Amino acid sequence: MNLNQVTVAVNEIAPAVAFYRGLGLRLIVLSPHYARFECQNGDATFSVHLSPQPVSAHGVVVYFECDDLDARVRALSEQGYVFSQLPQDERWLWREARLLDPSGNEICLYFAGDNRKNPPWRVQEA
C-alpha cells in the first residue's frame, strides 16, 4: 500500500485554499465543497472538504516535512502566519513548528531527515 492522500474537514473552503496554497501546496482540484492539493515533493496529496457541522479540535495533526524548516517558518511568519510553536528540536529527533489552519486543524511543519523513518529505536523485522 501507499498513502494517497489525507483529507481534513474545514468550515470554509476559500480560507482553507488560501492557507494551504500559502504553505506551498499546489491546488489541483477545486469545487464549492472540496479542494485537493499536491505536495511539493513526493506523490502524496492533501485535501479539505466542507464540513456540514462546525469543525472542532479532533486530535488529528497533519505533518508536512520541509528541508528548509527554519527559513520557511520565518517567511511564513513574515506573511502573517501565526505559529503556536516556533521551530524547536524535539526529543524524538525531529525539529518541529506548529500552527492552526483557519478551521483549527493542527499543522506541524517539521524536518526529520533520516530519523523520519529510521530513528535509532526503529523496530527491526524479525
Protein backbone atom coordinates (compact mmCIF):
# COMPACT_ATOMS: atom_id res chain seq x y z
CA MET A 1 0.00 0.00 0.00
CA ASN A 2 0.95 3.62 -0.46
CA LEU A 3 -0.66 6.61 1.24
CA ASN A 4 -2.55 8.55 -1.42
CA GLN A 5 -3.96 11.49 0.50
CA VAL A 6 -5.20 12.83 3.79
CA THR A 7 -8.43 14.84 3.93
CA VAL A 8 -9.47 17.16 6.76
CA ALA A 9 -12.77 18.90 7.40
CA VAL A 10 -12.93 22.69 7.22
CA ASN A 11 -15.54 25.33 7.99
CA GLU A 12 -14.98 27.26 4.74
CA ILE A 13 -13.23 26.29 1.52
CA ALA A 14 -11.85 29.68 0.39
CA PRO A 15 -9.82 30.48 3.54
CA ALA A 16 -8.53 26.89 3.64
CA VAL A 17 -7.42 27.08 0.00
CA ALA A 18 -5.61 30.38 0.62
CA PHE A 19 -3.94 28.97 3.75
CA TYR A 20 -2.65 25.77 2.16
CA ARG A 21 -1.58 27.47 -1.07
CA GLY A 22 0.32 29.92 1.10
CA LEU A 23 2.11 27.00 2.76
CA GLY A 24 3.31 25.97 -0.71
CA LEU A 25 0.85 23.27 -1.73
CA ARG A 26 -0.31 23.31 -5.37
CA LEU A 27 -4.08 23.42 -5.92
CA ILE A 28 -5.20 20.70 -8.37
CA VAL A 29 -8.97 20.33 -7.69
CA LEU A 30 -11.43 22.96 -6.54
CA SER A 31 -15.18 22.82 -6.03
CA PRO A 32 -17.56 24.60 -3.63
CA HIS A 33 -17.21 21.74 -1.12
CA TYR A 34 -13.73 20.26 -1.80
CA ALA A 35 -10.16 21.18 -2.68
CA ARG A 36 -7.18 18.95 -3.33
CA PHE A 37 -3.51 19.85 -3.37
CA GLU A 38 -0.23 18.30 -4.48
CA CYS A 39 2.69 18.40 -2.12
CA GLN A 40 5.88 19.98 -3.47
CA ASN A 41 7.84 16.74 -3.06
CA GLY A 42 6.74 13.14 -3.45
CA ASP A 43 3.46 11.70 -4.64
CA ALA A 44 1.14 12.38 -1.70
CA THR A 45 -1.79 14.75 -1.95
CA PHE A 46 -3.77 16.60 0.70
CA SER A 47 -7.37 17.71 0.58
CA VAL A 48 -10.01 19.60 2.51
CA HIS A 49 -13.76 19.12 2.45
CA LEU A 50 -16.53 21.38 3.66
CA SER A 51 -17.98 20.07 6.91
CA PRO A 52 -21.75 20.24 7.41
CA GLN A 53 -21.13 20.96 11.12
CA PRO A 54 -18.61 23.38 12.64
CA VAL A 55 -15.15 21.83 12.81
CA SER A 56 -13.76 21.41 16.30
CA ALA A 57 -10.44 20.16 17.62
CA HIS A 58 -10.31 16.47 16.79
CA GLY A 59 -6.82 15.36 17.75
CA VAL A 60 -5.50 14.88 14.22
CA VAL A 61 -2.20 16.56 13.39
CA VAL A 62 -1.13 16.86 9.74
CA TYR A 63 2.65 16.77 9.21
CA PHE A 64 4.41 18.36 6.24
CA GLU A 65 8.18 17.82 6.04
CA CYS A 66 10.31 20.77 4.95
CA ASP A 67 14.03 20.60 4.21
CA ASP A 68 14.18 24.35 4.85
CA LEU A 69 12.05 24.43 8.01
CA ASP A 70 13.53 27.46 9.79
CA ALA A 71 13.66 29.62 6.66
CA ARG A 72 10.13 28.57 5.67
CA VAL A 73 8.74 29.40 9.13
CA ARG A 74 10.45 32.82 9.01
CA ALA A 75 8.99 33.52 5.56
CA LEU A 76 5.51 32.35 6.56
CA SER A 77 5.66 34.45 9.75
CA GLU A 78 6.54 37.48 7.64
CA GLN A 79 3.45 36.74 5.52
CA GLY A 80 1.24 36.78 8.62
CA TYR A 81 1.07 33.10 9.55
CA VAL A 82 0.89 32.70 13.33
CA PHE A 83 2.76 29.77 14.86
CA SER A 84 1.80 28.25 18.20
CA GLN A 85 5.28 26.71 18.30
CA LEU A 86 8.32 28.05 16.50
CA PRO A 87 10.90 25.51 15.28
CA GLN A 88 12.39 23.52 18.11
CA ASP A 89 14.28 20.27 18.43
CA GLU A 90 12.14 17.51 19.91
CA ARG A 91 13.32 14.51 21.93
CA TRP A 92 12.18 12.18 19.11
CA LEU A 93 14.88 13.79 16.90
CA TRP A 94 12.56 15.89 14.75
CA ARG A 95 12.61 19.69 14.50
CA GLU A 96 9.01 20.94 14.57
CA ALA A 97 6.93 24.10 14.25
CA ARG A 98 3.15 24.15 14.71
CA LEU A 99 0.23 26.29 13.63
CA LEU A 100 -3.52 26.05 13.09
CA ASP A 101 -5.36 26.34 9.80
CA PRO A 102 -8.38 28.71 9.61
CA SER A 103 -10.69 25.92 10.87
CA GLY A 104 -8.44 24.99 13.80
CA ASN A 105 -6.80 21.89 12.31
CA GLU A 106 -3.29 21.48 13.75
CA ILE A 107 -0.48 21.56 11.21
CA CYS A 108 3.09 20.55 12.01
CA LEU A 109 5.87 21.67 9.71
CA TYR A 110 8.95 19.64 10.51
CA PHE A 111 12.32 18.33 9.44
CA ALA A 112 13.41 14.83 10.45
CA GLY A 113 15.80 13.73 7.73
CA ASP A 114 16.73 10.06 8.07
CA ASN A 115 15.07 9.94 11.50
CA ARG A 116 11.65 10.24 9.83
CA LYS A 117 11.66 6.53 9.01
CA ASN A 118 14.86 5.31 10.63
CA PRO A 119 15.13 6.59 14.19
CA PRO A 120 17.63 4.83 16.47
CA TRP A 121 14.71 2.97 18.13
CA ARG A 122 13.22 1.67 14.87
CA VAL A 123 11.75 -1.82 15.26
CA GLN A 124 13.80 -4.40 13.40
CA GLU A 125 11.90 -7.02 11.44
CA ALA A 126 12.03 -10.50 12.97
